[in-house]
Amino acid sequence: RCPTCHNIMENSTVISEECKKQLQGLLDKYYPIEI
C-alpha cells in the first residue's frame, strides 16, 4: 500500500510511536465505514 497525505505524516519520524498507534486505531475503526 502507498501512503496518503495523512499516512505520510503518520509514518514519519515527526510523530511519536504512541501517536502512530492511536492514528492506526482510528484508521482501523473508520476506514471500513468509509468504503
PDB file of all heavy atoms in Angstrom:
ATOM      1  N   ARG A   1       0.828  -1.201   0.000  1.00  0.00           N
ATOM      2  CA  ARG A   1       0.000   0.000   0.000  1.00  0.00           C
ATOM      3  C   ARG A   1       0.862   1.250   0.000  1.00  0.00           C
ATOM      4  O   ARG A   1       1.853   1.341   0.714  1.00  0.00           O
ATOM      5  CB  ARG A   1      -0.896   0.023   1.251  1.00  0.00           C
ATOM      6  CG  ARG A   1      -2.134  -0.849   1.183  1.00  0.00           C
ATOM      7  CD  ARG A   1      -3.205  -0.333   0.254  1.00  0.00           C
ATOM      8  NE  ARG A   1      -3.725   0.979   0.619  1.00  0.00           N
ATOM      9  CZ  ARG A   1      -4.767   1.187   1.379  1.00  0.00           C
ATOM     10  NH1 ARG A   1      -5.443   0.161   1.892  1.00  0.00           N
ATOM     11  NH2 ARG A   1      -5.189   2.401   1.638  1.00  0.00           N
ATOM     12  N   CYS A   2       0.463   2.231  -0.795  1.00  0.00           N
ATOM     13  CA  CYS A   2       1.167   3.518  -0.820  1.00  0.00           C
ATOM     14  C   CYS A   2       0.482   4.476   0.151  1.00  0.00           C
ATOM     15  O   CYS A   2      -0.719   4.382   0.371  1.00  0.00           O
ATOM     16  CB  CYS A   2       1.152   4.096  -2.235  1.00  0.00           C
ATOM     17  SG  CYS A   2       2.148   3.146  -3.388  1.00  0.00           S
ATOM     18  N   PRO A   3       1.237   5.424   0.696  1.00  0.00           N
ATOM     19  CA  PRO A   3       0.651   6.302   1.709  1.00  0.00           C
ATOM     20  C   PRO A   3      -0.189   7.432   1.130  1.00  0.00           C
ATOM     21  O   PRO A   3       0.091   7.947   0.047  1.00  0.00           O
ATOM     22  CB  PRO A   3       1.889   6.882   2.411  1.00  0.00           C
ATOM     23  CG  PRO A   3       2.948   6.891   1.362  1.00  0.00           C
ATOM     24  CD  PRO A   3       2.677   5.683   0.498  1.00  0.00           C
ATOM     25  N   THR A   4      -1.229   7.813   1.879  1.00  0.00           N
ATOM     26  CA  THR A   4      -1.978   9.036   1.589  1.00  0.00           C
ATOM     27  C   THR A   4      -1.217  10.200   2.229  1.00  0.00           C
ATOM     28  O   THR A   4      -0.225   9.985   2.932  1.00  0.00           O
ATOM     29  CB  THR A   4      -3.380   8.967   2.209  1.00  0.00           C
ATOM     30  OG1 THR A   4      -3.229   8.909   3.642  1.00  0.00           O
ATOM     31  CG2 THR A   4      -4.154   7.753   1.731  1.00  0.00           C
ATOM     32  N   CYS A   5      -1.707  11.417   2.021  1.00  0.00           N
ATOM     33  CA  CYS A   5      -1.073  12.590   2.654  1.00  0.00           C
ATOM     34  C   CYS A   5      -1.028  12.442   4.170  1.00  0.00           C
ATOM     35  O   CYS A   5      -0.013  12.746   4.809  1.00  0.00           O
ATOM     36  CB  CYS A   5      -1.837  13.864   2.313  1.00  0.00           C
ATOM     37  SG  CYS A   5      -1.747  14.338   0.584  1.00  0.00           S
ATOM     38  N   HIS A   6      -2.136  11.967   4.754  1.00  0.00           N
ATOM     39  CA  HIS A   6      -2.150  11.770   6.205  1.00  0.00           C
ATOM     40  C   HIS A   6      -1.156  10.680   6.605  1.00  0.00           C
ATOM     41  O   HIS A   6      -0.434  10.830   7.596  1.00  0.00           O
ATOM     42  CB  HIS A   6      -3.562  11.400   6.696  1.00  0.00           C
ATOM     43  CG  HIS A   6      -4.497  12.569   6.795  1.00  0.00           C
ATOM     44  ND1 HIS A   6      -5.333  12.949   5.761  1.00  0.00           N
ATOM     45  CD2 HIS A   6      -4.736  13.465   7.800  1.00  0.00           C
ATOM     46  CE1 HIS A   6      -6.043  14.010   6.135  1.00  0.00           C
ATOM     47  NE2 HIS A   6      -5.697  14.342   7.365  1.00  0.00           N
ATOM     48  N   ASN A   7      -1.103   9.583   5.807  1.00  0.00           N
ATOM     49  CA  ASN A   7      -0.170   8.492   6.133  1.00  0.00           C
ATOM     50  C   ASN A   7       1.281   8.952   6.101  1.00  0.00           C
ATOM     51  O   ASN A   7       2.109   8.482   6.878  1.00  0.00           O
ATOM     52  CB  ASN A   7      -0.286   7.325   5.132  1.00  0.00           C
ATOM     53  CG  ASN A   7      -1.646   6.657   5.105  1.00  0.00           C
ATOM     54  OD1 ASN A   7      -2.052   6.148   4.062  1.00  0.00           O
ATOM     55  ND2 ASN A   7      -2.353   6.653   6.225  1.00  0.00           N
ATOM     56  N   ILE A   8       1.597   9.872   5.165  1.00  0.00           N
ATOM     57  CA  ILE A   8       2.976  10.374   5.055  1.00  0.00           C
ATOM     58  C   ILE A   8       3.405  10.979   6.390  1.00  0.00           C
ATOM     59  O   ILE A   8       4.509  10.734   6.882  1.00  0.00           O
ATOM     60  CB  ILE A   8       3.105  11.406   3.908  1.00  0.00           C
ATOM     61  CG1 ILE A   8       3.006  10.692   2.550  1.00  0.00           C
ATOM     62  CG2 ILE A   8       4.419  12.187   4.004  1.00  0.00           C
ATOM     63  CD1 ILE A   8       2.885  11.621   1.349  1.00  0.00           C
ATOM     64  N   MET A   9       2.504  11.756   6.983  1.00  0.00           N
ATOM     65  CA  MET A   9       2.798  12.333   8.304  1.00  0.00           C
ATOM     66  C   MET A   9       2.850  11.238   9.369  1.00  0.00           C
ATOM     67  O   MET A   9       3.764  11.193  10.200  1.00  0.00           O
ATOM     68  CB  MET A   9       1.729  13.363   8.693  1.00  0.00           C
ATOM     69  CG  MET A   9       1.637  14.572   7.783  1.00  0.00           C
ATOM     70  SD  MET A   9       3.199  15.462   7.579  1.00  0.00           S
ATOM     71  CE  MET A   9       3.569  15.914   9.262  1.00  0.00           C
ATOM     72  N   GLU A  10       1.874  10.334   9.312  1.00  0.00           N
ATOM     73  CA  GLU A  10       1.751   9.305  10.355  1.00  0.00           C
ATOM     74  C   GLU A  10       2.931   8.339  10.371  1.00  0.00           C
ATOM     75  O   GLU A  10       3.304   7.818  11.423  1.00  0.00           O
ATOM     76  CB  GLU A  10       0.443   8.521  10.147  1.00  0.00           C
ATOM     77  CG  GLU A  10      -0.789   9.358  10.447  1.00  0.00           C
ATOM     78  CD  GLU A  10      -2.054   8.835   9.771  1.00  0.00           C
ATOM     79  OE1 GLU A  10      -2.071   7.667   9.343  1.00  0.00           O
ATOM     80  OE2 GLU A  10      -3.031   9.619   9.658  1.00  0.00           O
ATOM     81  N   ASN A  11       3.507   8.092   9.191  1.00  0.00           N
ATOM     82  CA  ASN A  11       4.618   7.130   9.104  1.00  0.00           C
ATOM     83  C   ASN A  11       5.970   7.775   9.381  1.00  0.00           C
ATOM     84  O   ASN A  11       6.995   7.108   9.349  1.00  0.00           O
ATOM     85  CB  ASN A  11       4.670   6.498   7.696  1.00  0.00           C
ATOM     86  CG  ASN A  11       3.408   5.729   7.368  1.00  0.00           C
ATOM     87  OD1 ASN A  11       2.668   5.349   8.263  1.00  0.00           O
ATOM     88  ND2 ASN A  11       3.139   5.519   6.086  1.00  0.00           N
ATOM     89  N   SER A  12       5.980   9.079   9.624  1.00  0.00           N
ATOM     90  CA  SER A  12       7.253   9.801   9.676  1.00  0.00           C
ATOM     91  C   SER A  12       7.824   9.860  11.086  1.00  0.00           C
ATOM     92  O   SER A  12       7.154   9.532  12.071  1.00  0.00           O
ATOM     93  CB  SER A  12       7.055  11.228   9.161  1.00  0.00           C
ATOM     94  OG  SER A  12       6.351  11.976  10.141  1.00  0.00           O
ATOM     95  N   THR A  13       9.052  10.329  11.155  1.00  0.00           N
ATOM     96  CA  THR A  13       9.741  10.428  12.447  1.00  0.00           C
ATOM     97  C   THR A  13       9.249  11.629  13.274  1.00  0.00           C
ATOM     98  O   THR A  13       9.621  11.760  14.429  1.00  0.00           O
ATOM     99  CB  THR A  13      11.264  10.570  12.232  1.00  0.00           C
ATOM    100  OG1 THR A  13      11.481  11.653  11.310  1.00  0.00           O
ATOM    101  CG2 THR A  13      11.862   9.309  11.658  1.00  0.00           C
ATOM    102  N   VAL A  14       8.407  12.486  12.683  1.00  0.00           N
ATOM    103  CA  VAL A  14       7.918  13.646  13.445  1.00  0.00           C
ATOM    104  C   VAL A  14       6.760  13.259  14.372  1.00  0.00           C
ATOM    105  O   VAL A  14       6.292  14.068  15.160  1.00  0.00           O
ATOM    106  CB  VAL A  14       7.472  14.828  12.527  1.00  0.00           C
ATOM    107  CG1 VAL A  14       8.633  15.324  11.697  1.00  0.00           C
ATOM    108  CG2 VAL A  14       6.288  14.452  11.645  1.00  0.00           C
ATOM    109  N   ILE A  15       6.317  11.999  14.291  1.00  0.00           N
ATOM    110  CA  ILE A  15       5.194  11.516  15.101  1.00  0.00           C
ATOM    111  C   ILE A  15       5.714  10.464  16.090  1.00  0.00           C
ATOM    112  O   ILE A  15       6.469   9.572  15.702  1.00  0.00           O
ATOM    113  CB  ILE A  15       4.130  10.850  14.189  1.00  0.00           C
ATOM    114  CG1 ILE A  15       3.653  11.812  13.112  1.00  0.00           C
ATOM    115  CG2 ILE A  15       2.962  10.302  14.979  1.00  0.00           C
ATOM    116  CD1 ILE A  15       2.768  12.902  13.569  1.00  0.00           C
ATOM    117  N   SER A  16       5.267  10.539  17.337  1.00  0.00           N
ATOM    118  CA  SER A  16       5.706   9.560  18.346  1.00  0.00           C
ATOM    119  C   SER A  16       5.064   8.196  18.085  1.00  0.00           C
ATOM    120  O   SER A  16       4.028   8.098  17.422  1.00  0.00           O
ATOM    121  CB  SER A  16       5.313  10.033  19.744  1.00  0.00           C
ATOM    122  OG  SER A  16       3.902   9.962  19.899  1.00  0.00           O
ATOM    123  N   GLU A  17       5.665   7.141  18.635  1.00  0.00           N
ATOM    124  CA  GLU A  17       5.129   5.783  18.452  1.00  0.00           C
ATOM    125  C   GLU A  17       3.723   5.675  19.036  1.00  0.00           C
ATOM    126  O   GLU A  17       2.852   5.026  18.470  1.00  0.00           O
ATOM    127  CB  GLU A  17       6.051   4.748  19.111  1.00  0.00           C
ATOM    128  CG  GLU A  17       7.366   4.525  18.361  1.00  0.00           C
ATOM    129  CD  GLU A  17       7.174   4.186  16.874  1.00  0.00           C
ATOM    130  OE1 GLU A  17       6.327   3.326  16.567  1.00  0.00           O
ATOM    131  OE2 GLU A  17       7.852   4.801  16.026  1.00  0.00           O
ATOM    132  N   GLU A  18       3.501   6.322  20.167  1.00  0.00           N
ATOM    133  CA  GLU A  18       2.183   6.280  20.810  1.00  0.00           C
ATOM    134  C   GLU A  18       1.126   6.926  19.909  1.00  0.00           C
ATOM    135  O   GLU A  18       0.021   6.392  19.724  1.00  0.00           O
ATOM    136  CB  GLU A  18       2.255   7.009  22.162  1.00  0.00           C
ATOM    137  CG  GLU A  18       0.934   7.087  22.915  1.00  0.00           C
ATOM    138  CD  GLU A  18       0.243   5.739  23.122  1.00  0.00           C
ATOM    139  OE1 GLU A  18       0.933   4.711  23.334  1.00  0.00           O
ATOM    140  OE2 GLU A  18      -1.000   5.723  23.040  1.00  0.00           O
ATOM    141  N   CYS A  19       1.497   8.054  19.305  1.00  0.00           N
ATOM    142  CA  CYS A  19       0.566   8.744  18.405  1.00  0.00           C
ATOM    143  C   CYS A  19       0.286   7.889  17.166  1.00  0.00           C
ATOM    144  O   CYS A  19      -0.854   7.822  16.694  1.00  0.00           O
ATOM    145  CB  CYS A  19       1.154  10.094  18.009  1.00  0.00           C
ATOM    146  SG  CYS A  19       0.059  11.076  16.975  1.00  0.00           S
ATOM    147  N   LYS A  20       1.321   7.227  16.655  1.00  0.00           N
ATOM    148  CA  LYS A  20       1.137   6.345  15.483  1.00  0.00           C
ATOM    149  C   LYS A  20       0.116   5.251  15.785  1.00  0.00           C
ATOM    150  O   LYS A  20      -0.739   4.932  14.954  1.00  0.00           O
ATOM    151  CB  LYS A  20       2.474   5.707  15.080  1.00  0.00           C
ATOM    152  CG  LYS A  20       3.385   6.662  14.350  1.00  0.00           C
ATOM    153  CD  LYS A  20       4.719   6.017  13.969  1.00  0.00           C
ATOM    154  CE  LYS A  20       5.612   7.076  13.358  1.00  0.00           C
ATOM    155  NZ  LYS A  20       6.945   6.640  13.009  1.00  0.00           N
ATOM    156  N   LYS A  21       0.225   4.690  17.000  1.00  0.00           N
ATOM    157  CA  LYS A  21      -0.711   3.635  17.404  1.00  0.00           C
ATOM    158  C   LYS A  21      -2.146   4.167  17.427  1.00  0.00           C
ATOM    159  O   LYS A  21      -3.083   3.502  16.972  1.00  0.00           O
ATOM    160  CB  LYS A  21      -0.348   3.140  18.811  1.00  0.00           C
ATOM    161  CG  LYS A  21       0.554   1.926  18.811  1.00  0.00           C
ATOM    162  CD  LYS A  21       0.652   1.344  20.209  1.00  0.00           C
ATOM    163  CE  LYS A  21       2.107   0.952  20.466  1.00  0.00           C
ATOM    164  NZ  LYS A  21       2.545   1.129  21.829  1.00  0.00           N
ATOM    165  N   GLN A  22      -2.306   5.365  17.973  1.00  0.00           N
ATOM    166  CA  GLN A  22      -3.649   5.955  18.059  1.00  0.00           C
ATOM    167  C   GLN A  22      -4.212   6.258  16.659  1.00  0.00           C
ATOM    168  O   GLN A  22      -5.399   6.030  16.402  1.00  0.00           O
ATOM    169  CB  GLN A  22      -3.605   7.224  18.908  1.00  0.00           C
ATOM    170  CG  GLN A  22      -3.343   6.948  20.378  1.00  0.00           C
ATOM    171  CD  GLN A  22      -3.197   8.243  21.163  1.00  0.00           C
ATOM    172  OE1 GLN A  22      -2.218   8.959  21.066  1.00  0.00           O
ATOM    173  NE2 GLN A  22      -4.206   8.556  21.955  1.00  0.00           N
ATOM    174  N   LEU A  23      -3.369   6.765  15.782  1.00  0.00           N
ATOM    175  CA  LEU A  23      -3.807   7.064  14.408  1.00  0.00           C
ATOM    176  C   LEU A  23      -4.187   5.776  13.670  1.00  0.00           C
ATOM    177  O   LEU A  23      -5.170   5.739  12.923  1.00  0.00           O
ATOM    178  CB  LEU A  23      -2.708   7.817  13.652  1.00  0.00           C
ATOM    179  CG  LEU A  23      -2.511   9.280  14.087  1.00  0.00           C
ATOM    180  CD1 LEU A  23      -1.169   9.804  13.611  1.00  0.00           C
ATOM    181  CD2 LEU A  23      -3.635  10.169  13.569  1.00  0.00           C
ATOM    182  N   GLN A  24      -3.408   4.708  13.900  1.00  0.00           N
ATOM    183  CA  GLN A  24      -3.722   3.409  13.290  1.00  0.00           C
ATOM    184  C   GLN A  24      -5.060   2.892  13.807  1.00  0.00           C
ATOM    185  O   GLN A  24      -5.861   2.333  13.055  1.00  0.00           O
ATOM    186  CB  GLN A  24      -2.609   2.402  13.592  1.00  0.00           C
ATOM    187  CG  GLN A  24      -2.789   1.039  12.914  1.00  0.00           C
ATOM    188  CD  GLN A  24      -2.826   1.116  11.390  1.00  0.00           C
ATOM    189  OE1 GLN A  24      -2.008   1.788  10.787  1.00  0.00           O
ATOM    190  NE2 GLN A  24      -3.787   0.434  10.773  1.00  0.00           N
ATOM    191  N   GLY A  25      -5.299   3.119  15.087  1.00  0.00           N
ATOM    192  CA  GLY A  25      -6.582   2.726  15.687  1.00  0.00           C
ATOM    193  C   GLY A  25      -7.752   3.427  15.017  1.00  0.00           C
ATOM    194  O   GLY A  25      -8.799   2.806  14.760  1.00  0.00           O
ATOM    195  N   LEU A  26      -7.559   4.716  14.712  1.00  0.00           N
ATOM    196  CA  LEU A  26      -8.619   5.473  14.011  1.00  0.00           C
ATOM    197  C   LEU A  26      -8.856   4.905  12.609  1.00  0.00           C
ATOM    198  O   LEU A  26     -10.000   4.767  12.168  1.00  0.00           O
ATOM    199  CB  LEU A  26      -8.239   6.961  13.900  1.00  0.00           C
ATOM    200  CG  LEU A  26      -8.132   7.761  15.199  1.00  0.00           C
ATOM    201  CD1 LEU A  26      -7.741   9.205  14.895  1.00  0.00           C
ATOM    202  CD2 LEU A  26      -9.436   7.729  15.984  1.00  0.00           C
ATOM    203  N   LEU A  27      -7.761   4.579  11.921  1.00  0.00           N
ATOM    204  CA  LEU A  27      -7.873   4.004  10.574  1.00  0.00           C
ATOM    205  C   LEU A  27      -8.645   2.682  10.624  1.00  0.00           C
ATOM    206  O   LEU A  27      -9.564   2.451   9.826  1.00  0.00           O
ATOM    207  CB  LEU A  27      -6.472   3.782   9.983  1.00  0.00           C
ATOM    208  CG  LEU A  27      -6.422   3.148   8.594  1.00  0.00           C
ATOM    209  CD1 LEU A  27      -6.858   4.144   7.524  1.00  0.00           C
ATOM    210  CD2 LEU A  27      -5.018   2.641   8.267  1.00  0.00           C
ATOM    211  N   ASP A  28      -8.273   1.824  11.559  1.00  0.00           N
ATOM    212  CA  ASP A  28      -8.926   0.521  11.675  1.00  0.00           C
ATOM    213  C   ASP A  28     -10.417   0.665  11.974  1.00  0.00           C
ATOM    214  O   ASP A  28     -11.238  -0.138  11.533  1.00  0.00           O
ATOM    215  CB  ASP A  28      -8.263  -0.312  12.783  1.00  0.00           C
ATOM    216  CG  ASP A  28      -6.820  -0.662  12.444  1.00  0.00           C
ATOM    217  OD1 ASP A  28      -6.441  -0.556  11.258  1.00  0.00           O
ATOM    218  OD2 ASP A  28      -6.055  -1.013  13.375  1.00  0.00           O
ATOM    219  N   LYS A  29     -10.753   1.719  12.707  1.00  0.00           N
ATOM    220  CA  LYS A  29     -12.151   1.942  13.094  1.00  0.00           C
ATOM    221  C   LYS A  29     -12.972   2.569  11.961  1.00  0.00           C
ATOM    222  O   LYS A  29     -14.092   2.140  11.670  1.00  0.00           O
ATOM    223  CB  LYS A  29     -12.183   2.860  14.322  1.00  0.00           C
ATOM    224  CG  LYS A  29     -13.580   3.231  14.797  1.00  0.00           C
ATOM    225  CD  LYS A  29     -13.511   4.155  16.016  1.00  0.00           C
ATOM    226  CE  LYS A  29     -14.880   4.650  16.446  1.00  0.00           C
ATOM    227  NZ  LYS A  29     -14.786   5.590  17.589  1.00  0.00           N
ATOM    228  N   TYR A  30     -12.406   3.590  11.314  1.00  0.00           N
ATOM    229  CA  TYR A  30     -13.216   4.397  10.391  1.00  0.00           C
ATOM    230  C   TYR A  30     -13.085   4.031   8.907  1.00  0.00           C
ATOM    231  O   TYR A  30     -14.018   4.267   8.145  1.00  0.00           O
ATOM    232  CB  TYR A  30     -12.874   5.887  10.559  1.00  0.00           C
ATOM    233  CG  TYR A  30     -13.338   6.488  11.864  1.00  0.00           C
ATOM    234  CD1 TYR A  30     -12.423   6.913  12.830  1.00  0.00           C
ATOM    235  CD2 TYR A  30     -14.697   6.650  12.138  1.00  0.00           C
ATOM    236  CE1 TYR A  30     -12.844   7.483  14.028  1.00  0.00           C
ATOM    237  CE2 TYR A  30     -15.135   7.228  13.332  1.00  0.00           C
ATOM    238  CZ  TYR A  30     -14.200   7.633  14.275  1.00  0.00           C
ATOM    239  OH  TYR A  30     -14.619   8.209  15.452  1.00  0.00           O
ATOM    240  N   TYR A  31     -11.940   3.471   8.491  1.00  0.00           N
ATOM    241  CA  TYR A  31     -11.775   3.172   7.052  1.00  0.00           C
ATOM    242  C   TYR A  31     -12.831   2.173   6.554  1.00  0.00           C
ATOM    243  O   TYR A  31     -13.415   2.371   5.483  1.00  0.00           O
ATOM    244  CB  TYR A  31     -10.353   2.679   6.754  1.00  0.00           C
ATOM    245  CG  TYR A  31     -10.127   2.348   5.288  1.00  0.00           C
ATOM    246  CD1 TYR A  31     -10.208   3.337   4.302  1.00  0.00           C
ATOM    247  CD2 TYR A  31      -9.844   1.043   4.878  1.00  0.00           C
ATOM    248  CE1 TYR A  31     -10.015   3.044   2.964  1.00  0.00           C
ATOM    249  CE2 TYR A  31      -9.652   0.739   3.534  1.00  0.00           C
ATOM    250  CZ  TYR A  31      -9.731   1.737   2.581  1.00  0.00           C
ATOM    251  OH  TYR A  31      -9.545   1.437   1.256  1.00  0.00           O
ATOM    252  N   PRO A  32     -13.138   1.103   7.319  1.00  0.00           N
ATOM    253  CA  PRO A  32     -14.194   0.186   6.845  1.00  0.00           C
ATOM    254  C   PRO A  32     -15.543   0.891   6.670  1.00  0.00           C
ATOM    255  O   PRO A  32     -16.324   0.538   5.789  1.00  0.00           O
ATOM    256  CB  PRO A  32     -14.263  -0.866   7.963  1.00  0.00           C
ATOM    257  CG  PRO A  32     -12.921  -0.828   8.613  1.00  0.00           C
ATOM    258  CD  PRO A  32     -12.492   0.612   8.555  1.00  0.00           C
ATOM    259  N   ILE A  33     -15.804   1.904   7.494  1.00  0.00           N
ATOM    260  CA  ILE A  33     -17.051   2.680   7.358  1.00  0.00           C
ATOM    261  C   ILE A  33     -16.998   3.491   6.061  1.00  0.00           C
ATOM    262  O   ILE A  33     -17.968   3.535   5.299  1.00  0.00           O
ATOM    263  CB  ILE A  33     -17.248   3.623   8.572  1.00  0.00           C
ATOM    264  CG1 ILE A  33     -17.392   2.809   9.866  1.00  0.00           C
ATOM    265  CG2 ILE A  33     -18.459   4.545   8.359  1.00  0.00           C
ATOM    266  CD1 ILE A  33     -17.400   3.645  11.149  1.00  0.00           C
ATOM    267  N   GLU A  34     -15.839   4.117   5.797  1.00  0.00           N
ATOM    268  CA  GLU A  34     -15.691   4.973   4.610  1.00  0.00           C
ATOM    269  C   GLU A  34     -16.003   4.216   3.329  1.00  0.00           C
ATOM    270  O   GLU A  34     -16.649   4.747   2.421  1.00  0.00           O
ATOM    271  CB  GLU A  34     -14.259   5.531   4.545  1.00  0.00           C
ATOM    272  CG  GLU A  34     -14.032   6.434   3.350  1.00  0.00           C
ATOM    273  CD  GLU A  34     -12.582   6.867   3.171  1.00  0.00           C
ATOM    274  OE1 GLU A  34     -11.716   6.493   3.978  1.00  0.00           O
ATOM    275  OE2 GLU A  34     -12.312   7.577   2.189  1.00  0.00           O
ATOM    276  N   ILE A  35     -15.550   2.969   3.240  1.00  0.00           N
ATOM    277  CA  ILE A  35     -15.696   2.236   1.971  1.00  0.00           C
ATOM    278  C   ILE A  35     -16.855   1.231   1.977  1.00  0.00           C
ATOM    279  O   ILE A  35     -17.007   0.469   1.032  1.00  0.00           O
ATOM    280  CB  ILE A  35     -14.384   1.525   1.569  1.00  0.00           C
ATOM    281  CG1 ILE A  35     -14.015   0.432   2.579  1.00  0.00           C
ATOM    282  CG2 ILE A  35     -13.241   2.522   1.405  1.00  0.00           C
ATOM    283  CD1 ILE A  35     -12.932  -0.517   2.071  1.00  0.00           C
TER     284      ILE A  35
END
